[in-house]
Amino acid sequence: MFKVSNIANQALYINDRFLSGVQSLSLNYDTNIEPQINISDTGLNYNIVQPIVAEMALDYYLSNNDIFINYTGNSFFSGRIEYADKYLTFTSGFLSNYSLDYNMDEPVLVSVSATLYGYNSNATGYKTNTTKNINFEPTNYYADINYNLVDSNRLEKFSINIRTDRLPNYEIGKFLPEYVSVKYPIKIDSSFVFSISEYMPYNPTDLFQNLITENATINFKNYYNSQNILSFNLANLVKNNENLNFDVNSDGKLKINLSTYILSGA
């Protein structure tokens, strides 16, 4: 069993739900200001010329239901970051990237990046977390895969990356967007590594002449009770790259990189 400790006096809440297993979190923002020129006033003053937004990057271990997978589309989330006796809040967060990495017999690591709007920092304030270290034990998972090209269920590694480009829409004179729209298509990249004994890859000539598309379903399940924790249903995948490798000390390894797209929110 893997054990991870959240650092004392530091906590992240998404929609008032405590997110456990956080490994790293970073915030970055630019002020976007210029000096104000006024003939009647010789003092140095500044104007905000563009809305101030923050960029958040976050890594955490998957635990039960993943809180962020439902925000790869049009939905947004609010949050609060607590540290020492201070906290920072934001009203609207929009995911720009969601990545998940699975390695057999290891915890599942999720990485997200998001753009934050409407945030405030407070020197002191009400805190919901305790001051003690919080021990977190990532659940042991196994991956159940249904992939039509490989006659093997021995998935050793899997990764998925969902990139969502967004366009904030502002009214004149306002520094919070009226709404934030998704710029379609949304690209989804995935990678599979199988331990195999037999596999016959496509003839490359056939693949590129006929543009064969594929489907895959990946279910992450609790190792102890087989409860389904997280699923990915990937349709119309196109193969970008394939690598077949053999070694005298192990079974053959097959790595396949594929991509698909979401064309609209309908």
C-alpha atoms as a PDB file:
ATOM      1  CA  MET A   1       0.000   0.000   0.000  1.00  0.00           C
ATOM      2  CA  PHE A   2       1.334   3.418  -0.937  1.00  0.00           C
ATOM      3  CA  LYS A   3       1.171   6.209   1.618  1.00  0.00           C
ATOM      4  CA  VAL A   4       1.301   9.918   0.848  1.00  0.00           C
ATOM      5  CA  SER A   5       1.157  12.800   3.305  1.00  0.00           C
ATOM      6  CA  ASN A   6      -0.491  16.119   2.600  1.00  0.00           C
ATOM      7  CA  ILE A   7       1.691  18.875   4.079  1.00  0.00           C
ATOM      8  CA  ALA A   8       0.278  20.339   7.273  1.00  0.00           C
ATOM      9  CA  ASN A   9      -1.634  23.632   6.925  1.00  0.00           C
ATOM     10  CA  GLN A  10      -1.984  23.227   3.155  1.00  0.00           C
ATOM     11  CA  ALA A  11      -5.189  22.104   1.482  1.00  0.00           C
ATOM     12  CA  LEU A  12      -7.112  22.401  -1.774  1.00  0.00           C
ATOM     13  CA  TYR A  13     -10.915  22.382  -2.027  1.00  0.00           C
ATOM     14  CA  ILE A  14     -12.769  22.064  -5.316  1.00  0.00           C
ATOM     15  CA  ASN A  15     -16.456  22.968  -5.092  1.00  0.00           C
ATOM     16  CA  ASP A  16     -16.057  22.724  -1.286  1.00  0.00           C
ATOM     17  CA  ARG A  17     -14.745  19.151  -1.582  1.00  0.00           C
ATOM     18  CA  PHE A  18     -11.320  18.407  -0.099  1.00  0.00           C
ATOM     19  CA  LEU A  19      -8.923  16.983  -2.682  1.00  0.00           C
ATOM     20  CA  SER A  20      -6.616  14.386  -1.139  1.00  0.00           C
ATOM     21  CA  GLY A  21      -3.386  12.996  -2.544  1.00  0.00           C
ATOM     22  CA  VAL A  22      -2.142  16.339  -3.914  1.00  0.00           C
ATOM     23  CA  GLN A  23       1.568  16.145  -4.788  1.00  0.00           C
ATOM     24  CA  SER A  24       2.167  19.616  -6.178  1.00  0.00           C
ATOM     25  CA  LEU A  25       0.256  22.795  -6.940  1.00  0.00           C
ATOM     26  CA  SER A  26       1.452  26.009  -8.568  1.00  0.00           C
ATOM     27  CA  LEU A  27      -0.211  29.327  -9.448  1.00  0.00           C
ATOM     28  CA  ASN A  28       1.015  31.932 -11.880  1.00  0.00           C
ATOM     29  CA  TYR A  29      -0.511  35.229 -12.943  1.00  0.00           C
ATOM     30  CA  ASP A  30       0.473  38.399 -14.811  1.00  0.00           C
ATOM     31  CA  THR A  31      -0.750  41.850 -13.754  1.00  0.00           C
ATOM     32  CA  ASN A  32      -1.106  43.353 -17.272  1.00  0.00           C
ATOM     33  CA  ILE A  33      -0.728  47.009 -16.258  1.00  0.00           C
ATOM     34  CA  GLU A  34       0.547  50.164 -17.967  1.00  0.00           C
ATOM     35  CA  PRO A  35       1.368  53.648 -16.630  1.00  0.00           C
ATOM     36  CA  GLN A  36      -1.483  56.148 -16.803  1.00  0.00           C
ATOM     37  CA  ILE A  37      -0.561  59.361 -18.635  1.00  0.00           C
ATOM     38  CA  ASN A  38      -2.414  62.452 -17.381  1.00  0.00           C
ATOM     39  CA  ILE A  39      -1.199  65.993 -18.164  1.00  0.00           C
ATOM     40  CA  SER A  40      -2.825  67.469 -15.067  1.00  0.00           C
ATOM     41  CA  ASP A  41      -1.372  64.821 -12.764  1.00  0.00           C
ATOM     42  CA  THR A  42       2.404  64.367 -12.607  1.00  0.00           C
ATOM     43  CA  GLY A  43       2.184  61.412 -10.243  1.00  0.00           C
ATOM     44  CA  LEU A  44       2.774  57.849 -11.417  1.00  0.00           C
ATOM     45  CA  ASN A  45      -0.471  55.901 -11.650  1.00  0.00           C
ATOM     46  CA  TYR A  46      -1.322  52.650 -13.330  1.00  0.00           C
ATOM     47  CA  ASN A  47      -4.190  51.192 -15.331  1.00  0.00           C
ATOM     48  CA  ILE A  48      -5.101  47.533 -15.658  1.00  0.00           C
ATOM     49  CA  VAL A  49      -5.169  47.053 -19.425  1.00  0.00           C
ATOM     50  CA  GLN A  50      -6.179  43.395 -19.527  1.00  0.00           C
ATOM     51  CA  PRO A  51      -8.109  41.130 -17.172  1.00  0.00           C
ATOM     52  CA  ILE A  52      -5.945  39.446 -14.541  1.00  0.00           C
ATOM     53  CA  VAL A  53      -6.219  35.669 -14.715  1.00  0.00           C
ATOM     54  CA  ALA A  54      -4.247  32.937 -12.983  1.00  0.00           C
ATOM     55  CA  GLU A  55      -2.894  29.667 -14.339  1.00  0.00           C
ATOM     56  CA  MET A  56      -2.979  26.649 -12.026  1.00  0.00           C
ATOM     57  CA  ALA A  57      -1.008  23.402 -12.425  1.00  0.00           C
ATOM     58  CA  LEU A  58      -1.827  20.452 -10.182  1.00  0.00           C
ATOM     59  CA  ASP A  59      -0.628  16.855  -9.701  1.00  0.00           C
ATOM     60  CA  TYR A  60      -2.515  14.373  -7.522  1.00  0.00           C
ATOM     61  CA  TYR A  61      -3.040  10.656  -7.039  1.00  0.00           C
ATOM     62  CA  LEU A  62      -6.384   9.247  -8.108  1.00  0.00           C
ATOM     63  CA  SER A  63      -8.672   8.336  -5.219  1.00  0.00           C
ATOM     64  CA  ASN A  64     -12.155   6.944  -5.748  1.00  0.00           C
ATOM     65  CA  ASN A  65     -14.130   9.170  -8.137  1.00  0.00           C
ATOM     66  CA  ASP A  66     -11.966  11.651 -10.025  1.00  0.00           C
ATOM     67  CA  ILE A  67     -13.216  15.176  -9.384  1.00  0.00           C
ATOM     68  CA  PHE A  68     -11.729  16.812 -12.501  1.00  0.00           C
ATOM     69  CA  ILE A  69     -12.676  14.456 -15.346  1.00  0.00           C
ATOM     70  CA  ASN A  70     -16.135  16.060 -15.592  1.00  0.00           C
ATOM     71  CA  TYR A  71     -14.621  19.497 -16.301  1.00  0.00           C
ATOM     72  CA  THR A  72     -12.922  18.767 -19.615  1.00  0.00           C
ATOM     73  CA  GLY A  73     -15.928  20.283 -21.450  1.00  0.00           C
ATOM     74  CA  ASN A  74     -18.081  23.355 -20.828  1.00  0.00           C
ATOM     75  CA  SER A  75     -18.462  23.095 -17.042  1.00  0.00           C
ATOM     76  CA  PHE A  76     -16.425  25.174 -14.594  1.00  0.00           C
ATOM     77  CA  PHE A  77     -15.502  24.782 -10.935  1.00  0.00           C
ATOM     78  CA  SER A  78     -14.759  26.982  -7.926  1.00  0.00           C
ATOM     79  CA  GLY A  79     -12.037  26.441  -5.375  1.00  0.00           C
ATOM     80  CA  ARG A  80     -10.088  27.469  -2.315  1.00  0.00           C
ATOM     81  CA  ILE A  81      -6.386  27.050  -1.599  1.00  0.00           C
ATOM     82  CA  GLU A  82      -5.435  27.148   2.084  1.00  0.00           C
ATOM     83  CA  TYR A  83      -1.909  27.654   3.380  1.00  0.00           C
ATOM     84  CA  ALA A  84      -0.770  28.511   6.916  1.00  0.00           C
ATOM     85  CA  ASP A  85      -3.402  30.979   8.211  1.00  0.00           C
ATOM     86  CA  LYS A  86      -4.201  32.360   4.739  1.00  0.00           C
ATOM     87  CA  TYR A  87      -6.293  31.289   1.828  1.00  0.00           C
ATOM     88  CA  LEU A  88      -7.033  32.147  -1.787  1.00  0.00           C
ATOM     89  CA  THR A  89     -10.363  31.594  -3.495  1.00  0.00           C
ATOM     90  CA  PHE A  90     -11.530  31.607  -7.104  1.00  0.00           C
ATOM     91  CA  THR A  91     -15.052  31.527  -8.488  1.00  0.00           C
ATOM     92  CA  SER A  92     -14.495  30.091 -11.965  1.00  0.00           C
ATOM     93  CA  GLY A  93     -11.874  27.577 -13.049  1.00  0.00           C
ATOM     94  CA  PHE A  94     -11.710  26.081 -16.545  1.00  0.00           C
ATOM     95  CA  LEU A  95      -9.545  23.083 -17.388  1.00  0.00           C
ATOM     96  CA  SER A  96      -7.149  23.507 -20.284  1.00  0.00           C
ATOM     97  CA  ASN A  97      -5.421  20.138 -19.962  1.00  0.00           C
ATOM     98  CA  TYR A  98      -6.146  16.811 -18.249  1.00  0.00           C
ATOM     99  CA  SER A  99      -3.577  13.988 -18.179  1.00  0.00           C
ATOM    100  CA  LEU A 100      -3.638  10.580 -16.507  1.00  0.00           C
ATOM    101  CA  ASP A 101      -0.759   8.097 -16.217  1.00  0.00           C
ATOM    102  CA  TYR A 102      -1.237   4.466 -15.219  1.00  0.00           C
ATOM    103  CA  ASN A 103       1.640   2.082 -14.533  1.00  0.00           C
ATOM    104  CA  MET A 104       0.862  -1.426 -13.364  1.00  0.00           C
ATOM    105  CA  ASP A 105       1.268  -1.851  -9.579  1.00  0.00           C
ATOM    106  CA  GLU A 106       1.648   1.898  -9.003  1.00  0.00           C
ATOM    107  CA  PRO A 107      -0.793   4.648  -7.978  1.00  0.00           C
ATOM    108  CA  VAL A 108      -2.554   6.464 -10.819  1.00  0.00           C
ATOM    109  CA  LEU A 109      -1.205  10.002 -11.211  1.00  0.00           C
ATOM    110  CA  VAL A 110      -3.408  12.774 -12.612  1.00  0.00           C
ATOM    111  CA  SER A 111      -2.096  16.145 -13.811  1.00  0.00           C
ATOM    112  CA  VAL A 112      -4.333  19.078 -14.667  1.00  0.00           C
ATOM    113  CA  SER A 113      -3.856  22.679 -15.709  1.00  0.00           C
ATOM    114  CA  ALA A 114      -6.574  25.314 -15.541  1.00  0.00           C
ATOM    115  CA  THR A 115      -7.255  29.011 -16.028  1.00  0.00           C
ATOM    116  CA  LEU A 116      -8.790  30.746 -13.004  1.00  0.00           C
ATOM    117  CA  TYR A 117     -11.043  33.813 -13.006  1.00  0.00           C
ATOM    118  CA  GLY A 118     -12.464  35.877 -10.153  1.00  0.00           C
ATOM    119  CA  TYR A 119      -9.978  35.030  -7.435  1.00  0.00           C
ATOM    120  CA  ASN A 120      -9.221  36.767  -4.137  1.00  0.00           C
ATOM    121  CA  SER A 121      -6.513  36.338  -1.529  1.00  0.00           C
ATOM    122  CA  ASN A 122      -7.044  36.827   2.197  1.00  0.00           C
ATOM    123  CA  ALA A 123      -4.452  37.423   4.890  1.00  0.00           C
ATOM    124  CA  THR A 124      -6.527  35.535   7.448  1.00  0.00           C
ATOM    125  CA  GLY A 125      -9.889  33.903   7.397  1.00  0.00           C
ATOM    126  CA  TYR A 126     -12.023  30.887   8.136  1.00  0.00           C
ATOM    127  CA  LYS A 127     -10.198  27.628   7.533  1.00  0.00           C
ATOM    128  CA  THR A 128     -11.809  24.235   7.187  1.00  0.00           C
ATOM    129  CA  ASN A 129      -8.789  21.950   7.365  1.00  0.00           C
ATOM    130  CA  THR A 130      -6.907  20.835  10.457  1.00  0.00           C
ATOM    131  CA  THR A 131      -3.277  21.661  11.207  1.00  0.00           C
ATOM    132  CA  LYS A 132      -2.192  18.023  11.268  1.00  0.00           C
ATOM    133  CA  ASN A 133      -0.626  16.003   8.508  1.00  0.00           C
ATOM    134  CA  ILE A 134      -3.222  14.043   6.568  1.00  0.00           C
ATOM    135  CA  ASN A 135      -2.163  10.527   5.621  1.00  0.00           C
ATOM    136  CA  PHE A 136      -3.520   9.432   2.263  1.00  0.00           C
ATOM    137  CA  GLU A 137      -3.395   5.901   0.905  1.00  0.00           C
ATOM    138  CA  PRO A 138      -3.951   5.694  -2.862  1.00  0.00           C
ATOM    139  CA  THR A 139      -6.228   2.838  -3.826  1.00  0.00           C
ATOM    140  CA  ASN A 140      -4.662  -0.107  -5.643  1.00  0.00           C
ATOM    141  CA  TYR A 141      -6.193  -0.293  -9.125  1.00  0.00           C
ATOM    142  CA  TYR A 142      -6.147  -2.620 -12.053  1.00  0.00           C
ATOM    143  CA  ALA A 143      -7.059  -1.656 -15.612  1.00  0.00           C
ATOM    144  CA  ASP A 144      -9.676  -3.638 -17.519  1.00  0.00           C
ATOM    145  CA  ILE A 145      -9.363  -2.889 -21.242  1.00  0.00           C
ATOM    146  CA  ASN A 146     -11.390  -3.753 -24.315  1.00  0.00           C
ATOM    147  CA  TYR A 147      -9.318  -2.907 -27.374  1.00  0.00           C
ATOM    148  CA  ASN A 148     -10.222  -4.460 -30.704  1.00  0.00           C
ATOM    149  CA  LEU A 149      -6.706  -4.816 -32.158  1.00  0.00           C
ATOM    150  CA  VAL A 150      -4.843  -6.626 -29.395  1.00  0.00           C
ATOM    151  CA  ASP A 151      -5.570 -10.158 -28.232  1.00  0.00           C
ATOM    152  CA  SER A 152      -4.207  -9.464 -24.758  1.00  0.00           C
ATOM    153  CA  ASN A 153      -5.469  -7.945 -21.555  1.00  0.00           C
ATOM    154  CA  ARG A 154      -2.026  -7.447 -20.072  1.00  0.00           C
ATOM    155  CA  LEU A 155      -1.960  -3.676 -20.055  1.00  0.00           C
ATOM    156  CA  GLU A 156       1.225  -2.479 -18.341  1.00  0.00           C
ATOM    157  CA  LYS A 157       0.973   1.255 -19.008  1.00  0.00           C
ATOM    158  CA  PHE A 158      -1.708   3.637 -20.177  1.00  0.00           C
ATOM    159  CA  SER A 159      -1.789   7.405 -20.536  1.00  0.00           C
ATOM    160  CA  ILE A 160      -4.375   9.851 -21.789  1.00  0.00           C
ATOM    161  CA  ASN A 161      -4.171  13.571 -22.460  1.00  0.00           C
ATOM    162  CA  ILE A 162      -7.239  15.751 -23.094  1.00  0.00           C
ATOM    163  CA  ARG A 163      -6.501  19.266 -24.315  1.00  0.00           C
ATOM    164  CA  THR A 164      -9.333  21.814 -24.197  1.00  0.00           C
ATOM    165  CA  ASP A 165      -8.662  25.223 -25.734  1.00  0.00           C
ATOM    166  CA  ARG A 166     -10.970  27.985 -24.503  1.00  0.00           C
ATOM    167  CA  LEU A 167     -12.026  31.480 -25.498  1.00  0.00           C
ATOM    168  CA  PRO A 168     -13.123  33.954 -22.767  1.00  0.00           C
ATOM    169  CA  ASN A 169     -15.735  36.484 -23.862  1.00  0.00           C
ATOM    170  CA  TYR A 170     -15.727  39.859 -22.073  1.00  0.00           C
ATOM    171  CA  GLU A 171     -18.090  42.800 -22.028  1.00  0.00           C
ATOM    172  CA  ILE A 172     -16.435  46.198 -22.481  1.00  0.00           C
ATOM    173  CA  GLY A 173     -15.112  47.572 -19.198  1.00  0.00           C
ATOM    174  CA  LYS A 174     -15.462  44.301 -17.267  1.00  0.00           C
ATOM    175  CA  PHE A 175     -12.632  42.135 -15.995  1.00  0.00           C
ATOM    176  CA  LEU A 176     -14.574  38.914 -15.531  1.00  0.00           C
ATOM    177  CA  PRO A 177     -15.680  37.039 -18.665  1.00  0.00           C
ATOM    178  CA  GLU A 178     -19.374  36.942 -19.442  1.00  0.00           C
ATOM    179  CA  TYR A 179     -18.809  33.345 -20.487  1.00  0.00           C
ATOM    180  CA  VAL A 180     -15.957  31.055 -21.549  1.00  0.00           C
ATOM    181  CA  SER A 181     -16.517  28.938 -24.632  1.00  0.00           C
ATOM    182  CA  VAL A 182     -14.742  25.779 -25.791  1.00  0.00           C
ATOM    183  CA  LYS A 183     -12.737  25.979 -28.996  1.00  0.00           C
ATOM    184  CA  TYR A 184     -13.537  22.750 -30.794  1.00  0.00           C
ATOM    185  CA  PRO A 185     -12.281  20.244 -31.726  1.00  0.00           C
ATOM    186  CA  ILE A 186     -10.974  18.820 -28.425  1.00  0.00           C
ATOM    187  CA  LYS A 187      -7.994  16.557 -29.066  1.00  0.00           C
ATOM    188  CA  ILE A 188      -7.494  13.363 -27.075  1.00  0.00           C
ATOM    189  CA  ASP A 189      -4.150  11.551 -27.210  1.00  0.00           C
ATOM    190  CA  SER A 190      -3.706   8.103 -25.689  1.00  0.00           C
ATOM    191  CA  SER A 191      -0.874   5.616 -25.324  1.00  0.00           C
ATOM    192  CA  PHE A 192      -0.960   1.892 -24.511  1.00  0.00           C
ATOM    193  CA  VAL A 193       1.872  -0.465 -23.545  1.00  0.00           C
ATOM    194  CA  PHE A 194       1.016  -4.184 -23.588  1.00  0.00           C
ATOM    195  CA  SER A 195       2.965  -7.251 -22.572  1.00  0.00           C
ATOM    196  CA  ILE A 196       2.339  -9.650 -25.445  1.00  0.00           C
ATOM    197  CA  SER A 197       3.316 -13.029 -26.812  1.00  0.00           C
ATOM    198  CA  GLU A 198       1.749 -12.726 -30.236  1.00  0.00           C
ATOM    199  CA  TYR A 199       0.720  -9.689 -32.223  1.00  0.00           C
ATOM    200  CA  MET A 200       0.483  -8.952 -35.930  1.00  0.00           C
ATOM    201  CA  PRO A 201       0.557  -5.207 -36.619  1.00  0.00           C
ATOM    202  CA  TYR A 202      -1.125  -3.710 -39.618  1.00  0.00           C
ATOM    203  CA  ASN A 203       0.721  -3.551 -42.872  1.00  0.00           C
ATOM    204  CA  PRO A 204       1.683   0.169 -42.901  1.00  0.00           C
ATOM    205  CA  THR A 205       0.598   0.481 -46.520  1.00  0.00           C
ATOM    206  CA  ASP A 206      -2.890  -0.799 -45.678  1.00  0.00           C
ATOM    207  CA  LEU A 207      -3.140   1.480 -42.653  1.00  0.00           C
ATOM    208  CA  PHE A 208      -2.370   4.739 -44.443  1.00  0.00           C
ATOM    209  CA  GLN A 209      -4.318   3.921 -47.589  1.00  0.00           C
ATOM    210  CA  ASN A 210      -7.484   2.861 -45.766  1.00  0.00           C
ATOM    211  CA  LEU A 211      -7.160   4.977 -42.563  1.00  0.00           C
ATOM    212  CA  ILE A 212      -8.345   2.298 -40.156  1.00  0.00           C
ATOM    213  CA  THR A 213     -10.081   3.611 -37.027  1.00  0.00           C
ATOM    214  CA  GLU A 214     -10.339   1.808 -33.720  1.00  0.00           C
ATOM    215  CA  ASN A 215     -12.282   1.821 -30.432  1.00  0.00           C
ATOM    216  CA  ALA A 216     -11.104   1.226 -26.878  1.00  0.00           C
ATOM    217  CA  THR A 217     -12.699   1.127 -23.428  1.00  0.00           C
ATOM    218  CA  ILE A 218     -10.569   1.373 -20.290  1.00  0.00           C
ATOM    219  CA  ASN A 219     -12.040   0.784 -16.837  1.00  0.00           C
ATOM    220  CA  PHE A 220     -10.025   1.423 -13.688  1.00  0.00           C
ATOM    221  CA  LYS A 221     -11.280  -0.826 -10.903  1.00  0.00           C
ATOM    222  CA  ASN A 222     -10.581  -1.215  -7.225  1.00  0.00           C
ATOM    223  CA  TYR A 223      -8.183  -4.137  -6.811  1.00  0.00           C
ATOM    224  CA  TYR A 224      -9.990  -5.453  -3.722  1.00  0.00           C
ATOM    225  CA  ASN A 225     -13.690  -5.209  -4.640  1.00  0.00           C
ATOM    226  CA  SER A 226     -13.622  -4.652  -8.449  1.00  0.00           C
ATOM    227  CA  GLN A 227     -15.635  -1.455  -8.056  1.00  0.00           C
ATOM    228  CA  ASN A 228     -15.391   0.676 -11.181  1.00  0.00           C
ATOM    229  CA  ILE A 229     -13.684   3.993 -10.334  1.00  0.00           C
ATOM    230  CA  LEU A 230     -13.073   5.672 -13.669  1.00  0.00           C
ATOM    231  CA  SER A 231     -13.811   4.825 -17.312  1.00  0.00           C
ATOM    232  CA  PHE A 232     -12.678   6.097 -20.688  1.00  0.00           C
ATOM    233  CA  ASN A 233     -14.664   5.234 -23.819  1.00  0.00           C
ATOM    234  CA  LEU A 234     -12.531   6.194 -26.806  1.00  0.00           C
ATOM    235  CA  ALA A 235     -14.095   5.981 -30.274  1.00  0.00           C
ATOM    236  CA  ASN A 236     -12.759   6.610 -33.775  1.00  0.00           C
ATOM    237  CA  LEU A 237      -9.135   6.371 -32.687  1.00  0.00           C
ATOM    238  CA  VAL A 238      -6.508   6.663 -35.387  1.00  0.00           C
ATOM    239  CA  LYS A 239      -3.091   5.116 -34.900  1.00  0.00           C
ATOM    240  CA  ASN A 240      -0.200   7.607 -34.937  1.00  0.00           C
ATOM    241  CA  ASN A 241       2.664   5.331 -34.003  1.00  0.00           C
ATOM    242  CA  GLU A 242       3.399   1.708 -33.130  1.00  0.00           C
ATOM    243  CA  ASN A 243       6.480   0.173 -31.548  1.00  0.00           C
ATOM    244  CA  LEU A 244       7.089  -3.542 -31.075  1.00  0.00           C
ATOM    245  CA  ASN A 245      10.050  -4.506 -28.894  1.00  0.00           C
ATOM    246  CA  PHE A 246      11.441  -7.873 -27.774  1.00  0.00           C
ATOM    247  CA  ASP A 247      14.022  -8.662 -25.098  1.00  0.00           C
ATOM    248  CA  VAL A 248      15.592 -11.976 -24.061  1.00  0.00           C
ATOM    249  CA  ASN A 249      14.732 -11.280 -20.407  1.00  0.00           C
ATOM    250  CA  SER A 250      11.037 -10.411 -20.788  1.00  0.00           C
ATOM    251  CA  ASP A 251       7.929 -10.744 -22.903  1.00  0.00           C
ATOM    252  CA  GLY A 252       7.491  -8.621 -25.954  1.00  0.00           C
ATOM    253  CA  LYS A 253       6.261  -5.084 -25.431  1.00  0.00           C
ATOM    254  CA  LEU A 254       3.857  -3.309 -27.735  1.00  0.00           C
ATOM    255  CA  LYS A 255       3.384   0.470 -27.525  1.00  0.00           C
ATOM    256  CA  ILE A 256       0.619   2.122 -29.517  1.00  0.00           C
ATOM    257  CA  ASN A 257      -0.057   5.870 -29.709  1.00  0.00           C
ATOM    258  CA  LEU A 258      -3.518   6.935 -30.881  1.00  0.00           C
ATOM    259  CA  SER A 259      -5.592  10.102 -31.188  1.00  0.00           C
ATOM    260  CA  THR A 260      -9.225  11.072 -31.526  1.00  0.00           C
ATOM    261  CA  TYR A 261     -11.264  14.283 -31.441  1.00  0.00           C
ATOM    262  CA  ILE A 262     -14.478  15.634 -29.953  1.00  0.00           C
ATOM    263  CA  LEU A 263     -15.971  17.841 -32.662  1.00  0.00           C
ATOM    264  CA  SER A 264     -18.691  19.607 -30.660  1.00  0.00           C
ATOM    265  CA  GLY A 265     -20.462  19.758 -27.317  1.00  0.00           C
ATOM    266  CA  ALA A 266     -23.633  18.215 -28.717  1.00  0.00           C
END
